[in-house]
Amino acid sequence: QIVDPVRFTSQFMEETNRRFYWLRDYFGALFYERKKKPQDDIISLLVSEMEDGDSLSEDELLSNVILLFFAGHETTASLVAAGLRELFLHPSQLDLLKSDFSLMDNAVSEMLRMISVAQMTVYSALRDIDINGVTLKENMGAFCLIG
């Protein structure tokens, strides 16, 4: 999973790089296709903005599309799996939900509130900041564990 902490071994980095280059090539071909034949989608819109020279460079376009891809896929898949796990661990709640589908919106909201699918994020200090007696200097990064 892309949002979970992992050890950065050389094997992990080689595999990560291989997969990144595959994504770069895949999306590069998709960008080229959308330049030639735009569709009613966000990639076509971003490619047209890039072509106008007003917005994103090709690297920025690639970075943003990959971010959107993972933000939309990884977190959603993890939330669905974790939400189902919680329902199976609490069968009375599952039975209640199965008996009244009008509760679904609230159930999803509660799962979003209760389950942290993103286990960590990275914070970069904009200025020196004190956090519980520890000074994080300007431009220093910190891993924030939120799970």
N, C-alpha and C. Protein backbone atom coordinates (compact mmCIF):
# COMPACT_ATOMS: atom_id res chain seq x y z
N GLN A 1 0.84 -1.18 0.00
CA GLN A 1 0.00 0.00 0.00
C GLN A 1 0.88 1.24 0.00
N ILE A 2 0.48 2.20 -0.77
CA ILE A 2 1.29 3.40 -0.96
C ILE A 2 1.29 4.30 0.28
N VAL A 3 0.27 4.25 1.12
CA VAL A 3 0.19 5.17 2.25
C VAL A 3 0.68 4.58 3.56
N ASP A 4 1.17 3.34 3.54
CA ASP A 4 1.68 2.71 4.74
C ASP A 4 3.19 2.88 4.84
N PRO A 5 3.70 2.99 6.06
CA PRO A 5 5.15 3.08 6.22
C PRO A 5 5.82 1.76 5.86
N VAL A 6 6.94 1.83 5.16
CA VAL A 6 7.68 0.64 4.75
C VAL A 6 9.17 0.89 4.94
N ARG A 7 9.94 -0.20 4.99
CA ARG A 7 11.39 -0.08 5.05
C ARG A 7 11.91 0.17 3.64
N PHE A 8 12.82 1.10 3.50
CA PHE A 8 13.37 1.46 2.20
C PHE A 8 14.62 0.65 1.91
N THR A 9 14.45 -0.64 1.62
CA THR A 9 15.58 -1.47 1.23
C THR A 9 15.91 -1.20 -0.23
N SER A 10 17.09 -1.62 -0.67
CA SER A 10 17.45 -1.42 -2.07
C SER A 10 16.50 -2.19 -2.98
N GLN A 11 16.07 -3.38 -2.56
CA GLN A 11 15.12 -4.15 -3.36
C GLN A 11 13.78 -3.41 -3.48
N PHE A 12 13.32 -2.83 -2.37
CA PHE A 12 12.08 -2.06 -2.38
C PHE A 12 12.20 -0.87 -3.32
N MET A 13 13.33 -0.16 -3.24
CA MET A 13 13.52 1.02 -4.09
C MET A 13 13.59 0.65 -5.57
N GLU A 14 14.26 -0.45 -5.90
CA GLU A 14 14.33 -0.90 -7.30
C GLU A 14 12.94 -1.23 -7.83
N GLU A 15 12.15 -1.94 -7.01
CA GLU A 15 10.79 -2.29 -7.43
C GLU A 15 9.92 -1.04 -7.54
N THR A 16 10.07 -0.13 -6.60
CA THR A 16 9.32 1.12 -6.64
C THR A 16 9.66 1.92 -7.90
N ASN A 17 10.93 2.02 -8.21
CA ASN A 17 11.35 2.73 -9.42
C ASN A 17 10.81 2.06 -10.68
N ARG A 18 10.87 0.73 -10.73
CA ARG A 18 10.35 0.01 -11.89
C ARG A 18 8.86 0.31 -12.08
N ARG A 19 8.13 0.28 -10.99
CA ARG A 19 6.69 0.56 -11.07
C ARG A 19 6.41 2.01 -11.43
N PHE A 20 7.23 2.93 -10.91
CA PHE A 20 7.05 4.34 -11.26
C PHE A 20 7.26 4.55 -12.76
N TYR A 21 8.32 3.96 -13.32
CA TYR A 21 8.59 4.13 -14.74
C TYR A 21 7.47 3.52 -15.58
N TRP A 22 6.89 2.43 -15.10
CA TRP A 22 5.75 1.85 -15.81
C TRP A 22 4.59 2.85 -15.80
N LEU A 23 4.29 3.45 -14.62
CA LEU A 23 3.22 4.45 -14.54
C LEU A 23 3.52 5.65 -15.42
N ARG A 24 4.77 6.12 -15.40
CA ARG A 24 5.16 7.27 -16.23
C ARG A 24 4.88 6.96 -17.70
N ASP A 25 5.28 5.79 -18.15
CA ASP A 25 5.06 5.42 -19.55
C ASP A 25 3.58 5.27 -19.87
N TYR A 26 2.83 4.66 -18.95
CA TYR A 26 1.40 4.47 -19.15
C TYR A 26 0.69 5.82 -19.28
N PHE A 27 0.94 6.69 -18.30
CA PHE A 27 0.26 7.99 -18.33
C PHE A 27 0.80 8.87 -19.46
N GLY A 28 2.08 8.76 -19.78
CA GLY A 28 2.63 9.50 -20.92
C GLY A 28 1.90 9.15 -22.21
N ALA A 29 1.65 7.85 -22.42
CA ALA A 29 0.90 7.42 -23.61
C ALA A 29 -0.53 7.93 -23.56
N LEU A 30 -1.12 7.93 -22.37
CA LEU A 30 -2.48 8.44 -22.21
C LEU A 30 -2.54 9.94 -22.49
N PHE A 31 -1.53 10.69 -22.02
CA PHE A 31 -1.49 12.13 -22.29
C PHE A 31 -1.41 12.37 -23.80
N TYR A 32 -0.55 11.62 -24.47
CA TYR A 32 -0.39 11.76 -25.92
C TYR A 32 -1.71 11.47 -26.63
N GLU A 33 -2.39 10.40 -26.18
CA GLU A 33 -3.69 10.03 -26.77
C GLU A 33 -4.72 11.14 -26.56
N ARG A 34 -4.74 11.73 -25.36
CA ARG A 34 -5.72 12.78 -25.07
C ARG A 34 -5.39 14.08 -25.80
N LYS A 35 -4.11 14.33 -26.10
CA LYS A 35 -3.76 15.50 -26.91
C LYS A 35 -4.36 15.35 -28.31
N LYS A 36 -4.25 14.14 -28.87
CA LYS A 36 -4.76 13.88 -30.21
C LYS A 36 -6.27 13.79 -30.25
N LYS A 37 -6.84 13.18 -29.22
CA LYS A 37 -8.28 12.94 -29.20
C LYS A 37 -8.82 13.20 -27.79
N PRO A 38 -9.07 14.49 -27.46
CA PRO A 38 -9.57 14.81 -26.11
C PRO A 38 -10.92 14.15 -25.84
N GLN A 39 -11.12 13.84 -24.58
CA GLN A 39 -12.39 13.29 -24.11
C GLN A 39 -12.92 14.16 -22.99
N ASP A 40 -14.07 13.81 -22.48
CA ASP A 40 -14.67 14.57 -21.39
C ASP A 40 -14.17 14.00 -20.06
N ASP A 41 -12.87 14.25 -19.76
CA ASP A 41 -12.29 13.74 -18.52
C ASP A 41 -11.24 14.73 -18.01
N ILE A 42 -10.81 14.50 -16.79
CA ILE A 42 -9.87 15.43 -16.15
C ILE A 42 -8.51 15.42 -16.83
N ILE A 43 -8.09 14.27 -17.34
CA ILE A 43 -6.78 14.22 -18.00
C ILE A 43 -6.79 15.07 -19.27
N SER A 44 -7.85 14.99 -20.04
CA SER A 44 -7.95 15.83 -21.24
C SER A 44 -7.92 17.31 -20.88
N LEU A 45 -8.62 17.66 -19.81
CA LEU A 45 -8.63 19.05 -19.36
C LEU A 45 -7.23 19.50 -18.94
N LEU A 46 -6.53 18.68 -18.16
CA LEU A 46 -5.19 19.05 -17.71
C LEU A 46 -4.21 19.11 -18.87
N VAL A 47 -4.33 18.19 -19.82
CA VAL A 47 -3.44 18.20 -20.99
C VAL A 47 -3.69 19.46 -21.82
N SER A 48 -4.94 19.84 -21.98
CA SER A 48 -5.22 21.05 -22.77
C SER A 48 -4.67 22.29 -22.08
N GLU A 49 -4.74 22.33 -20.75
CA GLU A 49 -4.15 23.44 -20.00
C GLU A 49 -2.64 23.48 -20.18
N MET A 50 -2.02 22.31 -20.18
CA MET A 50 -0.57 22.24 -20.36
C MET A 50 -0.20 22.74 -21.75
N GLU A 51 -0.99 22.38 -22.73
CA GLU A 51 -0.73 22.79 -24.11
C GLU A 51 -0.83 24.31 -24.26
N ASP A 52 -1.73 24.93 -23.49
CA ASP A 52 -1.90 26.38 -23.56
C ASP A 52 -0.74 27.12 -22.91
N GLY A 53 0.09 26.40 -22.15
CA GLY A 53 1.24 27.01 -21.50
C GLY A 53 0.89 27.80 -20.27
N ASP A 54 -0.37 27.73 -19.84
CA ASP A 54 -0.81 28.52 -18.69
C ASP A 54 -0.64 27.79 -17.36
N SER A 55 -0.43 26.49 -17.41
CA SER A 55 -0.58 25.77 -16.17
C SER A 55 0.58 24.83 -15.89
N LEU A 56 0.39 23.55 -16.09
CA LEU A 56 1.31 22.53 -15.63
C LEU A 56 2.38 22.16 -16.65
N SER A 57 3.60 21.90 -16.16
CA SER A 57 4.62 21.30 -17.01
C SER A 57 4.27 19.81 -17.15
N GLU A 58 4.95 19.11 -18.03
CA GLU A 58 4.66 17.68 -18.20
C GLU A 58 4.97 16.91 -16.91
N ASP A 59 6.05 17.26 -16.23
CA ASP A 59 6.38 16.60 -14.95
C ASP A 59 5.31 16.88 -13.90
N GLU A 60 4.83 18.12 -13.85
CA GLU A 60 3.77 18.47 -12.89
C GLU A 60 2.48 17.74 -13.23
N LEU A 61 2.17 17.64 -14.51
CA LEU A 61 0.98 16.91 -14.94
C LEU A 61 1.08 15.45 -14.49
N LEU A 62 2.22 14.83 -14.76
CA LEU A 62 2.42 13.44 -14.36
C LEU A 62 2.28 13.27 -12.85
N SER A 63 2.93 14.12 -12.09
CA SER A 63 2.88 14.04 -10.63
C SER A 63 1.45 14.17 -10.11
N ASN A 64 0.71 15.12 -10.65
CA ASN A 64 -0.66 15.34 -10.20
C ASN A 64 -1.59 14.20 -10.58
N VAL A 65 -1.44 13.67 -11.77
CA VAL A 65 -2.30 12.57 -12.20
C VAL A 65 -2.01 11.31 -11.37
N ILE A 66 -0.73 11.05 -11.10
CA ILE A 66 -0.40 9.90 -10.25
C ILE A 66 -0.97 10.10 -8.84
N LEU A 67 -0.85 11.32 -8.31
CA LEU A 67 -1.42 11.61 -7.00
C LEU A 67 -2.93 11.39 -6.99
N LEU A 68 -3.63 11.89 -8.01
CA LEU A 68 -5.08 11.70 -8.08
C LEU A 68 -5.44 10.22 -8.20
N PHE A 69 -4.65 9.49 -8.98
CA PHE A 69 -4.89 8.07 -9.17
C PHE A 69 -4.80 7.33 -7.84
N PHE A 70 -3.72 7.55 -7.10
CA PHE A 70 -3.56 6.85 -5.83
C PHE A 70 -4.50 7.36 -4.76
N ALA A 71 -4.72 8.66 -4.72
CA ALA A 71 -5.63 9.21 -3.72
C ALA A 71 -7.03 8.66 -3.92
N GLY A 72 -7.43 8.49 -5.15
CA GLY A 72 -8.77 7.98 -5.44
C GLY A 72 -8.88 6.48 -5.30
N HIS A 73 -7.80 5.76 -5.57
CA HIS A 73 -7.87 4.30 -5.57
C HIS A 73 -7.45 3.70 -4.23
N GLU A 74 -6.27 4.00 -3.80
CA GLU A 74 -5.71 3.35 -2.61
C GLU A 74 -6.55 3.62 -1.37
N THR A 75 -6.90 4.86 -1.13
CA THR A 75 -7.66 5.17 0.08
C THR A 75 -9.07 4.60 0.02
N THR A 76 -9.69 4.62 -1.16
CA THR A 76 -11.04 4.07 -1.30
C THR A 76 -11.04 2.56 -1.08
N ALA A 77 -10.10 1.86 -1.73
CA ALA A 77 -10.02 0.40 -1.57
C ALA A 77 -9.74 0.04 -0.11
N SER A 78 -8.84 0.77 0.53
CA SER A 78 -8.51 0.48 1.93
C SER A 78 -9.70 0.76 2.84
N LEU A 79 -10.43 1.84 2.57
CA LEU A 79 -11.59 2.16 3.40
C LEU A 79 -12.67 1.10 3.25
N VAL A 80 -12.93 0.65 2.04
CA VAL A 80 -13.95 -0.38 1.83
C VAL A 80 -13.57 -1.65 2.58
N ALA A 81 -12.31 -2.08 2.45
CA ALA A 81 -11.86 -3.29 3.13
C ALA A 81 -11.93 -3.14 4.64
N ALA A 82 -11.44 -2.03 5.16
CA ALA A 82 -11.45 -1.81 6.61
C ALA A 82 -12.87 -1.66 7.14
N GLY A 83 -13.73 -1.02 6.37
CA GLY A 83 -15.13 -0.86 6.77
C GLY A 83 -15.85 -2.19 6.83
N LEU A 84 -15.62 -3.05 5.85
CA LEU A 84 -16.22 -4.38 5.87
C LEU A 84 -15.70 -5.20 7.05
N ARG A 85 -14.41 -5.07 7.32
CA ARG A 85 -13.83 -5.77 8.47
C ARG A 85 -14.53 -5.35 9.76
N GLU A 86 -14.72 -4.04 9.92
CA GLU A 86 -15.39 -3.56 11.13
C GLU A 86 -16.82 -4.08 11.22
N LEU A 87 -17.52 -4.13 10.09
CA LEU A 87 -18.89 -4.65 10.11
C LEU A 87 -18.91 -6.13 10.47
N PHE A 88 -17.96 -6.89 9.97
CA PHE A 88 -17.91 -8.31 10.32
C PHE A 88 -17.52 -8.52 11.77
N LEU A 89 -16.73 -7.61 12.33
CA LEU A 89 -16.38 -7.69 13.75
C LEU A 89 -17.53 -7.26 14.65
N HIS A 90 -18.49 -6.54 14.09
CA HIS A 90 -19.66 -6.06 14.86
C HIS A 90 -20.93 -6.50 14.12
N PRO A 91 -21.26 -7.79 14.20
CA PRO A 91 -22.38 -8.33 13.41
C PRO A 91 -23.73 -7.67 13.68
N SER A 92 -23.93 -7.15 14.89
CA SER A 92 -25.22 -6.49 15.15
C SER A 92 -25.35 -5.23 14.29
N GLN A 93 -24.23 -4.52 14.09
CA GLN A 93 -24.25 -3.33 13.24
C GLN A 93 -24.44 -3.71 11.78
N LEU A 94 -23.82 -4.81 11.37
CA LEU A 94 -24.00 -5.30 10.00
C LEU A 94 -25.46 -5.69 9.77
N ASP A 95 -26.07 -6.39 10.73
CA ASP A 95 -27.48 -6.77 10.60
C ASP A 95 -28.37 -5.54 10.52
N LEU A 96 -28.07 -4.55 11.35
CA LEU A 96 -28.85 -3.31 11.33
C LEU A 96 -28.75 -2.63 9.97
N LEU A 97 -27.55 -2.55 9.44
CA LEU A 97 -27.34 -1.92 8.13
C LEU A 97 -28.04 -2.71 7.02
N LYS A 98 -27.96 -4.03 7.09
CA LYS A 98 -28.62 -4.86 6.07
C LYS A 98 -30.13 -4.74 6.13
N SER A 99 -30.66 -4.46 7.32
CA SER A 99 -32.12 -4.37 7.46
C SER A 99 -32.65 -2.98 7.08
N ASP A 100 -31.76 -1.98 7.03
CA ASP A 100 -32.22 -0.62 6.73
C ASP A 100 -31.15 0.13 5.93
N PHE A 101 -31.25 0.06 4.62
CA PHE A 101 -30.24 0.68 3.75
C PHE A 101 -30.24 2.21 3.84
N SER A 102 -31.27 2.78 4.45
CA SER A 102 -31.26 4.25 4.62
C SER A 102 -30.16 4.68 5.59
N LEU A 103 -29.59 3.74 6.32
CA LEU A 103 -28.51 4.04 7.26
C LEU A 103 -27.14 4.08 6.58
N MET A 104 -27.09 3.74 5.30
CA MET A 104 -25.81 3.58 4.61
C MET A 104 -24.97 4.87 4.61
N ASP A 105 -25.57 6.01 4.30
CA ASP A 105 -24.79 7.26 4.28
C ASP A 105 -24.13 7.53 5.63
N ASN A 106 -24.91 7.35 6.70
CA ASN A 106 -24.36 7.57 8.03
C ASN A 106 -23.29 6.52 8.36
N ALA A 107 -23.49 5.28 7.93
CA ALA A 107 -22.50 4.23 8.18
C ALA A 107 -21.18 4.56 7.49
N VAL A 108 -21.24 5.01 6.26
CA VAL A 108 -20.02 5.39 5.54
C VAL A 108 -19.34 6.56 6.24
N SER A 109 -20.12 7.56 6.66
CA SER A 109 -19.54 8.70 7.38
C SER A 109 -18.86 8.24 8.67
N GLU A 110 -19.48 7.31 9.39
CA GLU A 110 -18.89 6.81 10.62
C GLU A 110 -17.61 6.02 10.33
N MET A 111 -17.60 5.27 9.24
CA MET A 111 -16.38 4.53 8.88
C MET A 111 -15.25 5.50 8.54
N LEU A 112 -15.57 6.56 7.83
CA LEU A 112 -14.55 7.57 7.51
C LEU A 112 -14.01 8.22 8.78
N ARG A 113 -14.89 8.43 9.74
CA ARG A 113 -14.49 9.06 11.00
C ARG A 113 -13.66 8.11 11.85
N MET A 114 -14.04 6.85 11.85
CA MET A 114 -13.47 5.88 12.77
C MET A 114 -12.21 5.20 12.25
N ILE A 115 -12.11 5.01 10.96
CA ILE A 115 -11.04 4.22 10.37
C ILE A 115 -10.05 5.15 9.67
N SER A 116 -8.80 5.02 10.02
CA SER A 116 -7.76 5.81 9.36
C SER A 116 -7.09 4.96 8.30
N VAL A 117 -7.41 5.21 7.03
CA VAL A 117 -6.79 4.43 5.97
C VAL A 117 -5.41 4.97 5.62
N ALA A 118 -5.18 6.24 5.90
CA ALA A 118 -3.85 6.81 5.72
C ALA A 118 -3.16 6.72 7.08
N GLN A 119 -2.10 5.95 7.15
CA GLN A 119 -1.44 5.72 8.42
C GLN A 119 -0.46 6.83 8.79
N MET A 120 0.00 7.57 7.79
CA MET A 120 0.96 8.62 8.07
C MET A 120 0.94 9.67 6.97
N THR A 121 1.48 10.81 7.29
CA THR A 121 1.69 11.86 6.31
C THR A 121 3.01 12.54 6.67
N VAL A 122 3.49 13.35 5.78
CA VAL A 122 4.74 14.06 6.02
C VAL A 122 4.43 15.55 6.17
N TYR A 123 5.01 16.15 7.18
CA TYR A 123 4.85 17.58 7.43
C TYR A 123 6.19 18.25 7.23
N SER A 124 6.19 19.38 6.55
CA SER A 124 7.40 20.17 6.37
C SER A 124 7.16 21.54 7.01
N ALA A 125 8.01 21.87 7.98
CA ALA A 125 7.81 23.11 8.74
C ALA A 125 8.07 24.34 7.87
N LEU A 126 7.14 25.27 7.88
CA LEU A 126 7.30 26.53 7.15
C LEU A 126 8.13 27.53 7.94
N ARG A 127 8.20 27.32 9.25
CA ARG A 127 9.01 28.15 10.13
C ARG A 127 9.35 27.29 11.34
N ASP A 128 10.26 27.74 12.19
CA ASP A 128 10.56 27.01 13.42
C ASP A 128 9.27 26.87 14.22
N ILE A 129 9.04 25.66 14.73
CA ILE A 129 7.81 25.42 15.50
C ILE A 129 8.14 24.48 16.66
N ASP A 130 7.53 24.75 17.80
CA ASP A 130 7.72 23.92 18.98
C ASP A 130 6.55 22.94 19.08
N ILE A 131 6.88 21.64 19.19
CA ILE A 131 5.86 20.61 19.34
C ILE A 131 6.18 19.81 20.59
N ASN A 132 5.44 20.05 21.65
CA ASN A 132 5.64 19.34 22.91
C ASN A 132 7.09 19.40 23.38
N GLY A 133 7.69 20.57 23.31
CA GLY A 133 9.04 20.76 23.80
C GLY A 133 10.14 20.40 22.82
N VAL A 134 9.78 19.98 21.63
CA VAL A 134 10.77 19.66 20.59
C VAL A 134 10.64 20.69 19.48
N THR A 135 11.76 21.30 19.10
CA THR A 135 11.72 22.31 18.05
C THR A 135 11.94 21.66 16.70
N LEU A 136 10.99 21.88 15.81
CA LEU A 136 11.11 21.47 14.42
C LEU A 136 11.55 22.71 13.66
N LYS A 137 12.76 22.69 13.12
CA LYS A 137 13.32 23.85 12.44
C LYS A 137 12.66 24.05 11.07
N GLU A 138 12.69 25.29 10.61
CA GLU A 138 12.16 25.62 9.29
C GLU A 138 12.74 24.68 8.24
N ASN A 139 11.88 24.19 7.36
CA ASN A 139 12.20 23.27 6.26
C ASN A 139 12.51 21.85 6.70
N MET A 140 12.47 21.56 8.01
CA MET A 140 12.64 20.18 8.46
C MET A 140 11.35 19.43 8.22
N GLY A 141 11.48 18.16 7.94
CA GLY A 141 10.31 17.31 7.75
C GLY A 141 10.08 16.43 8.96
N ALA A 142 8.85 16.03 9.14
CA ALA A 142 8.49 15.12 10.20
C ALA A 142 7.41 14.17 9.69
N PHE A 143 7.54 12.91 10.07
CA PHE A 143 6.49 11.95 9.77
C PHE A 143 5.43 12.05 10.86
N CYS A 144 4.20 12.24 10.45
CA CYS A 144 3.08 12.33 11.40
C CYS A 144 2.28 11.03 11.29
N LEU A 145 2.30 10.24 12.35
CA LEU A 145 1.55 8.98 12.39
C LEU A 145 0.14 9.28 12.83
N ILE A 146 -0.83 8.97 11.97
CA ILE A 146 -2.21 9.35 12.25
C ILE A 146 -3.13 8.15 12.40
N GLY A 147 -2.62 6.96 12.13
CA GLY A 147 -3.44 5.75 12.19
C GLY A 147 -3.84 5.40 13.60
